[in-house]
Amino acid sequence: MSDKCSTPISVQEWYQLLHDTAALLEAPKHHHRELLHQAYALRDAHVVDANTLAEMLELADEALAHAHDVHAEQEWSSGDRV
């Protein structure tokens, strides 16, 4: 169980993860889940406060929405319309 209690990534690393477009587009749900997990870990470690956590969660949600928009646009462009 000690492995799950490892030190969270830094805030700077979280923002780098947020901006990793390739990983986001490859696996949007997984990437979003990792962003949420790391944001909560930073809060639990008292690295960020509740307001910063809320901003991070909103950014993670916006990234997921962006990935879905990109995928929908790619499907539309390729003719795979529903």
PDB file of N, CA and C in Angstrom:
ATOM      1  N   MET A   1       0.802  -1.191   0.000  1.00  0.00           N
ATOM      2  CA  MET A   1       0.000   0.000   0.000  1.00  0.00           C
ATOM      3  C   MET A   1       0.849   1.261   0.000  1.00  0.00           C
ATOM      4  N   SER A   2       2.081   1.167   0.408  1.00  0.00           N
ATOM      5  CA  SER A   2       2.949   2.338   0.442  1.00  0.00           C
ATOM      6  C   SER A   2       3.234   2.874  -0.955  1.00  0.00           C
ATOM      7  N   ASP A   3       3.168   2.016  -1.986  1.00  0.00           N
ATOM      8  CA  ASP A   3       3.387   2.479  -3.349  1.00  0.00           C
ATOM      9  C   ASP A   3       2.324   3.490  -3.764  1.00  0.00           C
ATOM     10  N   LYS A   4       1.102   3.320  -3.297  1.00  0.00           N
ATOM     11  CA  LYS A   4       0.012   4.218  -3.663  1.00  0.00           C
ATOM     12  C   LYS A   4       0.105   5.547  -2.923  1.00  0.00           C
ATOM     13  N   CYS A   5       0.946   5.636  -1.914  1.00  0.00           N
ATOM     14  CA  CYS A   5       1.090   6.858  -1.135  1.00  0.00           C
ATOM     15  C   CYS A   5       2.347   7.617  -1.538  1.00  0.00           C
ATOM     16  N   SER A   6       2.823   7.417  -2.742  1.00  0.00           N
ATOM     17  CA  SER A   6       4.031   8.083  -3.185  1.00  0.00           C
ATOM     18  C   SER A   6       3.779   9.583  -3.337  1.00  0.00           C
ATOM     19  N   THR A   7       4.855  10.329  -3.385  1.00  0.00           N
ATOM     20  CA  THR A   7       4.776  11.770  -3.517  1.00  0.00           C
ATOM     21  C   THR A   7       4.137  12.131  -4.853  1.00  0.00           C
ATOM     22  N   PRO A   8       3.187  13.077  -4.843  1.00  0.00           N
ATOM     23  CA  PRO A   8       2.559  13.477  -6.108  1.00  0.00           C
ATOM     24  C   PRO A   8       3.556  14.225  -6.991  1.00  0.00           C
ATOM     25  N   ILE A   9       3.202  14.360  -8.243  1.00  0.00           N
ATOM     26  CA  ILE A   9       4.029  15.152  -9.139  1.00  0.00           C
ATOM     27  C   ILE A   9       3.961  16.612  -8.696  1.00  0.00           C
ATOM     28  N   SER A  10       4.860  17.433  -9.208  1.00  0.00           N
ATOM     29  CA  SER A  10       4.842  18.857  -8.861  1.00  0.00           C
ATOM     30  C   SER A  10       3.741  19.562  -9.655  1.00  0.00           C
ATOM     31  N   VAL A  11       3.425  20.763  -9.237  1.00  0.00           N
ATOM     32  CA  VAL A  11       2.421  21.551  -9.960  1.00  0.00           C
ATOM     33  C   VAL A  11       2.907  21.805 -11.387  1.00  0.00           C
ATOM     34  N   GLN A  12       4.184  22.110 -11.539  1.00  0.00           N
ATOM     35  CA  GLN A  12       4.744  22.338 -12.875  1.00  0.00           C
ATOM     36  C   GLN A  12       4.593  21.082 -13.735  1.00  0.00           C
ATOM     37  N   GLU A  13       4.868  19.916 -13.158  1.00  0.00           N
ATOM     38  CA  GLU A  13       4.703  18.665 -13.900  1.00  0.00           C
ATOM     39  C   GLU A  13       3.242  18.419 -14.253  1.00  0.00           C
ATOM     40  N   TRP A  14       2.329  18.830 -13.371  1.00  0.00           N
ATOM     41  CA  TRP A  14       0.903  18.671 -13.664  1.00  0.00           C
ATOM     42  C   TRP A  14       0.530  19.485 -14.898  1.00  0.00           C
ATOM     43  N   TYR A  15       1.027  20.719 -14.962  1.00  0.00           N
ATOM     44  CA  TYR A  15       0.727  21.564 -16.121  1.00  0.00           C
ATOM     45  C   TYR A  15       1.383  21.020 -17.387  1.00  0.00           C
ATOM     46  N   GLN A  16       2.551  20.407 -17.258  1.00  0.00           N
ATOM     47  CA  GLN A  16       3.165  19.754 -18.419  1.00  0.00           C
ATOM     48  C   GLN A  16       2.293  18.598 -18.887  1.00  0.00           C
ATOM     49  N   LEU A  17       1.763  17.823 -17.954  1.00  0.00           N
ATOM     50  CA  LEU A  17       0.857  16.727 -18.282  1.00  0.00           C
ATOM     51  C   LEU A  17      -0.398  17.273 -18.957  1.00  0.00           C
ATOM     52  N   LEU A  18      -0.924  18.368 -18.453  1.00  0.00           N
ATOM     53  CA  LEU A  18      -2.103  18.996 -19.046  1.00  0.00           C
ATOM     54  C   LEU A  18      -1.851  19.357 -20.504  1.00  0.00           C
ATOM     55  N   HIS A  19      -0.661  19.841 -20.810  1.00  0.00           N
ATOM     56  CA  HIS A  19      -0.335  20.299 -22.162  1.00  0.00           C
ATOM     57  C   HIS A  19       0.232  19.203 -23.058  1.00  0.00           C
ATOM     58  N   ASP A  20       0.242  17.971 -22.599  1.00  0.00           N
ATOM     59  CA  ASP A  20       0.714  16.842 -23.413  1.00  0.00           C
ATOM     60  C   ASP A  20      -0.405  16.433 -24.376  1.00  0.00           C
ATOM     61  N   THR A  21      -0.503  17.156 -25.473  1.00  0.00           N
ATOM     62  CA  THR A  21      -1.587  16.965 -26.431  1.00  0.00           C
ATOM     63  C   THR A  21      -1.566  15.574 -27.045  1.00  0.00           C
ATOM     64  N   ALA A  22      -0.388  15.056 -27.328  1.00  0.00           N
ATOM     65  CA  ALA A  22      -0.303  13.726 -27.941  1.00  0.00           C
ATOM     66  C   ALA A  22      -0.923  12.673 -27.031  1.00  0.00           C
ATOM     67  N   ALA A  23      -0.578  12.696 -25.756  1.00  0.00           N
ATOM     68  CA  ALA A  23      -1.137  11.723 -24.807  1.00  0.00           C
ATOM     69  C   ALA A  23      -2.634  11.939 -24.633  1.00  0.00           C
ATOM     70  N   LEU A  24      -3.049  13.189 -24.611  1.00  0.00           N
ATOM     71  CA  LEU A  24      -4.466  13.510 -24.465  1.00  0.00           C
ATOM     72  C   LEU A  24      -5.278  12.949 -25.620  1.00  0.00           C
ATOM     73  N   LEU A  25      -4.797  13.149 -26.838  1.00  0.00           N
ATOM     74  CA  LEU A  25      -5.550  12.697 -28.005  1.00  0.00           C
ATOM     75  C   LEU A  25      -5.480  11.186 -28.189  1.00  0.00           C
ATOM     76  N   GLU A  26      -4.401  10.569 -27.715  1.00  0.00           N
ATOM     77  CA  GLU A  26      -4.262   9.116 -27.834  1.00  0.00           C
ATOM     78  C   GLU A  26      -5.221   8.384 -26.901  1.00  0.00           C
ATOM     79  N   ALA A  27      -5.361   8.874 -25.679  1.00  0.00           N
ATOM     80  CA  ALA A  27      -6.213   8.203 -24.683  1.00  0.00           C
ATOM     81  C   ALA A  27      -6.881   9.264 -23.803  1.00  0.00           C
ATOM     82  N   PRO A  28      -7.900   9.948 -24.331  1.00  0.00           N
ATOM     83  CA  PRO A  28      -8.496  11.077 -23.607  1.00  0.00           C
ATOM     84  C   PRO A  28      -9.005  10.740 -22.207  1.00  0.00           C
ATOM     85  N   LYS A  29      -9.735   9.649 -22.062  1.00  0.00           N
ATOM     86  CA  LYS A  29     -10.300   9.315 -20.749  1.00  0.00           C
ATOM     87  C   LYS A  29      -9.209   8.978 -19.750  1.00  0.00           C
ATOM     88  N   HIS A  30      -8.216   8.219 -20.184  1.00  0.00           N
ATOM     89  CA  HIS A  30      -7.104   7.860 -19.296  1.00  0.00           C
ATOM     90  C   HIS A  30      -6.333   9.117 -18.883  1.00  0.00           C
ATOM     91  N   HIS A  31      -6.062   9.984 -19.850  1.00  0.00           N
ATOM     92  CA  HIS A  31      -5.307  11.208 -19.571  1.00  0.00           C
ATOM     93  C   HIS A  31      -6.080  12.097 -18.592  1.00  0.00           C
ATOM     94  N   HIS A  32      -7.373  12.224 -18.806  1.00  0.00           N
ATOM     95  CA  HIS A  32      -8.228  13.022 -17.924  1.00  0.00           C
ATOM     96  C   HIS A  32      -8.210  12.447 -16.509  1.00  0.00           C
ATOM     97  N   ARG A  33      -8.342  11.134 -16.411  1.00  0.00           N
ATOM     98  CA  ARG A  33      -8.340  10.466 -15.105  1.00  0.00           C
ATOM     99  C   ARG A  33      -7.014  10.715 -14.379  1.00  0.00           C
ATOM    100  N   GLU A  34      -5.907  10.669 -15.121  1.00  0.00           N
ATOM    101  CA  GLU A  34      -4.594  10.913 -14.519  1.00  0.00           C
ATOM    102  C   GLU A  34      -4.469  12.367 -14.045  1.00  0.00           C
ATOM    103  N   LEU A  35      -4.974  13.302 -14.845  1.00  0.00           N
ATOM    104  CA  LEU A  35      -4.962  14.707 -14.426  1.00  0.00           C
ATOM    105  C   LEU A  35      -5.745  14.896 -13.128  1.00  0.00           C
ATOM    106  N   LEU A  36      -6.923  14.283 -13.055  1.00  0.00           N
ATOM    107  CA  LEU A  36      -7.735  14.394 -11.840  1.00  0.00           C
ATOM    108  C   LEU A  36      -7.026  13.768 -10.648  1.00  0.00           C
ATOM    109  N   HIS A  37      -6.500  12.569 -10.845  1.00  0.00           N
ATOM    110  CA  HIS A  37      -5.802  11.855  -9.767  1.00  0.00           C
ATOM    111  C   HIS A  37      -4.648  12.700  -9.219  1.00  0.00           C
ATOM    112  N   GLN A  38      -3.845  13.239 -10.118  1.00  0.00           N
ATOM    113  CA  GLN A  38      -2.683  14.018  -9.686  1.00  0.00           C
ATOM    114  C   GLN A  38      -3.101  15.340  -9.035  1.00  0.00           C
ATOM    115  N   ALA A  39      -4.165  15.960  -9.531  1.00  0.00           N
ATOM    116  CA  ALA A  39      -4.641  17.205  -8.918  1.00  0.00           C
ATOM    117  C   ALA A  39      -5.097  16.953  -7.481  1.00  0.00           C
ATOM    118  N   TYR A  40      -5.859  15.886  -7.288  1.00  0.00           N
ATOM    119  CA  TYR A  40      -6.304  15.561  -5.923  1.00  0.00           C
ATOM    120  C   TYR A  40      -5.122  15.182  -5.032  1.00  0.00           C
ATOM    121  N   ALA A  41      -4.124  14.514  -5.596  1.00  0.00           N
ATOM    122  CA  ALA A  41      -2.938  14.160  -4.813  1.00  0.00           C
ATOM    123  C   ALA A  41      -2.204  15.419  -4.361  1.00  0.00           C
ATOM    124  N   LEU A  42      -2.128  16.413  -5.236  1.00  0.00           N
ATOM    125  CA  LEU A  42      -1.496  17.681  -4.858  1.00  0.00           C
ATOM    126  C   LEU A  42      -2.286  18.379  -3.752  1.00  0.00           C
ATOM    127  N   ARG A  43      -3.596  18.312  -3.821  1.00  0.00           N
ATOM    128  CA  ARG A  43      -4.435  18.895  -2.767  1.00  0.00           C
ATOM    129  C   ARG A  43      -4.238  18.141  -1.451  1.00  0.00           C
ATOM    130  N   ASP A  44      -4.238  16.816  -1.534  1.00  0.00           N
ATOM    131  CA  ASP A  44      -4.078  16.002  -0.327  1.00  0.00           C
ATOM    132  C   ASP A  44      -2.726  16.225   0.340  1.00  0.00           C
ATOM    133  N   ALA A  45      -1.708  16.557  -0.470  1.00  0.00           N
ATOM    134  CA  ALA A  45      -0.373  16.831   0.063  1.00  0.00           C
ATOM    135  C   ALA A  45      -0.228  18.294   0.493  1.00  0.00           C
ATOM    136  N   HIS A  46      -1.315  19.052   0.418  1.00  0.00           N
ATOM    137  CA  HIS A  46      -1.348  20.467   0.804  1.00  0.00           C
ATOM    138  C   HIS A  46      -0.416  21.322  -0.048  1.00  0.00           C
ATOM    139  N   VAL A  47      -0.239  20.903  -1.301  1.00  0.00           N
ATOM    140  CA  VAL A  47       0.578  21.674  -2.238  1.00  0.00           C
ATOM    141  C   VAL A  47      -0.276  22.755  -2.898  1.00  0.00           C
ATOM    142  N   VAL A  48      -1.550  22.444  -3.129  1.00  0.00           N
ATOM    143  CA  VAL A  48      -2.482  23.419  -3.703  1.00  0.00           C
ATOM    144  C   VAL A  48      -3.689  23.554  -2.779  1.00  0.00           C
ATOM    145  N   ASP A  49      -4.312  24.725  -2.834  1.00  0.00           N
ATOM    146  CA  ASP A  49      -5.503  24.952  -2.012  1.00  0.00           C
ATOM    147  C   ASP A  49      -6.763  24.590  -2.804  1.00  0.00           C
ATOM    148  N   ALA A  50      -7.905  24.758  -2.169  1.00  0.00           N
ATOM    149  CA  ALA A  50      -9.175  24.362  -2.784  1.00  0.00           C
ATOM    150  C   ALA A  50      -9.463  25.141  -4.064  1.00  0.00           C
ATOM    151  N   ASN A  51      -9.124  26.423  -4.091  1.00  0.00           N
ATOM    152  CA  ASN A  51      -9.361  27.227  -5.296  1.00  0.00           C
ATOM    153  C   ASN A  51      -8.494  26.761  -6.456  1.00  0.00           C
ATOM    154  N   THR A  52      -7.234  26.483  -6.170  1.00  0.00           N
ATOM    155  CA  THR A  52      -6.336  25.998  -7.213  1.00  0.00           C
ATOM    156  C   THR A  52      -6.782  24.629  -7.697  1.00  0.00           C
ATOM    157  N   LEU A  53      -7.199  23.773  -6.776  1.00  0.00           N
ATOM    158  CA  LEU A  53      -7.718  22.461  -7.163  1.00  0.00           C
ATOM    159  C   LEU A  53      -8.906  22.625  -8.106  1.00  0.00           C
ATOM    160  N   ALA A  54      -9.822  23.509  -7.775  1.00  0.00           N
ATOM    161  CA  ALA A  54     -11.000  23.727  -8.622  1.00  0.00           C
ATOM    162  C   ALA A  54     -10.587  24.172 -10.022  1.00  0.00           C
ATOM    163  N   GLU A  55      -9.592  25.056 -10.107  1.00  0.00           N
ATOM    164  CA  GLU A  55      -9.098  25.507 -11.409  1.00  0.00           C
ATOM    165  C   GLU A  55      -8.471  24.351 -12.183  1.00  0.00           C
ATOM    166  N   MET A  56      -7.707  23.516 -11.486  1.00  0.00           N
ATOM    167  CA  MET A  56      -7.060  22.373 -12.134  1.00  0.00           C
ATOM    168  C   MET A  56      -8.102  21.391 -12.665  1.00  0.00           C
ATOM    169  N   LEU A  57      -9.135  21.140 -11.875  1.00  0.00           N
ATOM    170  CA  LEU A  57     -10.184  20.217 -12.309  1.00  0.00           C
ATOM    171  C   LEU A  57     -10.921  20.772 -13.523  1.00  0.00           C
ATOM    172  N   GLU A  58     -11.155  22.073 -13.529  1.00  0.00           N
ATOM    173  CA  GLU A  58     -11.816  22.703 -14.672  1.00  0.00           C
ATOM    174  C   GLU A  58     -10.943  22.602 -15.922  1.00  0.00           C
ATOM    175  N   LEU A  59      -9.651  22.836 -15.775  1.00  0.00           N
ATOM    176  CA  LEU A  59      -8.735  22.712 -16.909  1.00  0.00           C
ATOM    177  C   LEU A  59      -8.697  21.279 -17.436  1.00  0.00           C
ATOM    178  N   ALA A  60      -8.705  20.313 -16.533  1.00  0.00           N
ATOM    179  CA  ALA A  60      -8.710  18.907 -16.949  1.00  0.00           C
ATOM    180  C   ALA A  60      -9.979  18.585 -17.729  1.00  0.00           C
ATOM    181  N   ASP A  61     -11.114  19.089 -17.255  1.00  0.00           N
ATOM    182  CA  ASP A  61     -12.380  18.866 -17.961  1.00  0.00           C
ATOM    183  C   ASP A  61     -12.368  19.527 -19.334  1.00  0.00           C
ATOM    184  N   GLU A  62     -11.799  20.737 -19.417  1.00  0.00           N
ATOM    185  CA  GLU A  62     -11.709  21.429 -20.702  1.00  0.00           C
ATOM    186  C   GLU A  62     -10.800  20.670 -21.668  1.00  0.00           C
ATOM    187  N   ALA A  63      -9.729  20.085 -21.155  1.00  0.00           N
ATOM    188  CA  ALA A  63      -8.835  19.296 -22.002  1.00  0.00           C
ATOM    189  C   ALA A  63      -9.563  18.078 -22.559  1.00  0.00           C
ATOM    190  N   LEU A  64     -10.344  17.411 -21.724  1.00  0.00           N
ATOM    191  CA  LEU A  64     -11.114  16.254 -22.184  1.00  0.00           C
ATOM    192  C   LEU A  64     -12.122  16.678 -23.247  1.00  0.00           C
ATOM    193  N   ALA A  65     -12.812  17.778 -23.027  1.00  0.00           N
ATOM    194  CA  ALA A  65     -13.779  18.273 -24.015  1.00  0.00           C
ATOM    195  C   ALA A  65     -13.076  18.609 -25.326  1.00  0.00           C
ATOM    196  N   HIS A  66     -11.896  19.201 -25.237  1.00  0.00           N
ATOM    197  CA  HIS A  66     -11.119  19.523 -26.439  1.00  0.00           C
ATOM    198  C   HIS A  66     -10.768  18.251 -27.208  1.00  0.00           C
ATOM    199  N   ALA A  67     -10.336  17.228 -26.495  1.00  0.00           N
ATOM    200  CA  ALA A  67      -9.981  15.965 -27.155  1.00  0.00           C
ATOM    201  C   ALA A  67     -11.189  15.370 -27.862  1.00  0.00           C
ATOM    202  N   HIS A  68     -12.340  15.415 -27.223  1.00  0.00           N
ATOM    203  CA  HIS A  68     -13.559  14.899 -27.853  1.00  0.00           C
ATOM    204  C   HIS A  68     -13.921  15.721 -29.086  1.00  0.00           C
ATOM    205  N   ASP A  69     -13.739  17.035 -29.018  1.00  0.00           N
ATOM    206  CA  ASP A  69     -14.007  17.892 -30.174  1.00  0.00           C
ATOM    207  C   ASP A  69     -13.078  17.554 -31.333  1.00  0.00           C
ATOM    208  N   VAL A  70     -11.802  17.352 -31.037  1.00  0.00           N
ATOM    209  CA  VAL A  70     -10.830  17.007 -32.078  1.00  0.00           C
ATOM    210  C   VAL A  70     -11.200  15.675 -32.717  1.00  0.00           C
ATOM    211  N   HIS A  71     -11.545  14.685 -31.904  1.00  0.00           N
ATOM    212  CA  HIS A  71     -11.924  13.380 -32.450  1.00  0.00           C
ATOM    213  C   HIS A  71     -13.182  13.484 -33.298  1.00  0.00           C
ATOM    214  N   ALA A  72     -14.149  14.267 -32.856  1.00  0.00           N
ATOM    215  CA  ALA A  72     -15.382  14.440 -33.627  1.00  0.00           C
ATOM    216  C   ALA A  72     -15.087  15.126 -34.955  1.00  0.00           C
ATOM    217  N   GLU A  73     -14.213  16.118 -34.923  1.00  0.00           N
ATOM    218  CA  GLU A  73     -13.837  16.824 -36.147  1.00  0.00           C
ATOM    219  C   GLU A  73     -13.110  15.888 -37.109  1.00  0.00           C
ATOM    220  N   GLN A  74     -12.233  15.039 -36.583  1.00  0.00           N
ATOM    221  CA  GLN A  74     -11.515  14.082 -37.426  1.00  0.00           C
ATOM    222  C   GLN A  74     -12.478  13.089 -38.056  1.00  0.00           C
ATOM    223  N   GLU A  75     -13.455  12.627 -37.291  1.00  0.00           N
ATOM    224  CA  GLU A  75     -14.448  11.700 -37.830  1.00  0.00           C
ATOM    225  C   GLU A  75     -15.267  12.380 -38.916  1.00  0.00           C
ATOM    226  N   TRP A  76     -15.627  13.630 -38.697  1.00  0.00           N
ATOM    227  CA  TRP A  76     -16.409  14.380 -39.673  1.00  0.00           C
ATOM    228  C   TRP A  76     -15.593  14.559 -40.959  1.00  0.00           C
ATOM    229  N   SER A  77     -14.322  14.923 -40.809  1.00  0.00           N
ATOM    230  CA  SER A  77     -13.463  15.152 -41.967  1.00  0.00           C
ATOM    231  C   SER A  77     -13.209  13.882 -42.758  1.00  0.00           C
ATOM    232  N   SER A  78     -13.139  12.753 -42.059  1.00  0.00           N
ATOM    233  CA  SER A  78     -12.844  11.492 -42.749  1.00  0.00           C
ATOM    234  C   SER A  78     -14.090  10.853 -43.341  1.00  0.00           C
ATOM    235  N   GLY A  79     -15.250  11.457 -43.088  1.00  0.00           N
ATOM    236  CA  GLY A  79     -16.483  10.927 -43.659  1.00  0.00           C
ATOM    237  C   GLY A  79     -17.157   9.883 -42.811  1.00  0.00           C
ATOM    238  N   ASP A  80     -16.695   9.669 -41.597  1.00  0.00           N
ATOM    239  CA  ASP A  80     -17.305   8.686 -40.691  1.00  0.00           C
ATOM    240  C   ASP A  80     -18.436   9.330 -39.911  1.00  0.00           C
ATOM    241  N   ARG A  81     -19.360   9.915 -40.615  1.00  0.00           N
ATOM    242  CA  ARG A  81     -20.466  10.607 -39.955  1.00  0.00           C
ATOM    243  C   ARG A  81     -21.480   9.610 -39.446  1.00  0.00           C
ATOM    244  N   VAL A  82     -22.042   9.942 -38.292  1.00  0.00           N
ATOM    245  CA  VAL A  82     -23.053   9.076 -37.677  1.00  0.00           C
ATOM    246  C   VAL A  82     -24.411   9.408 -38.228  1.00  0.00           C
TER     247      VAL A  82
END
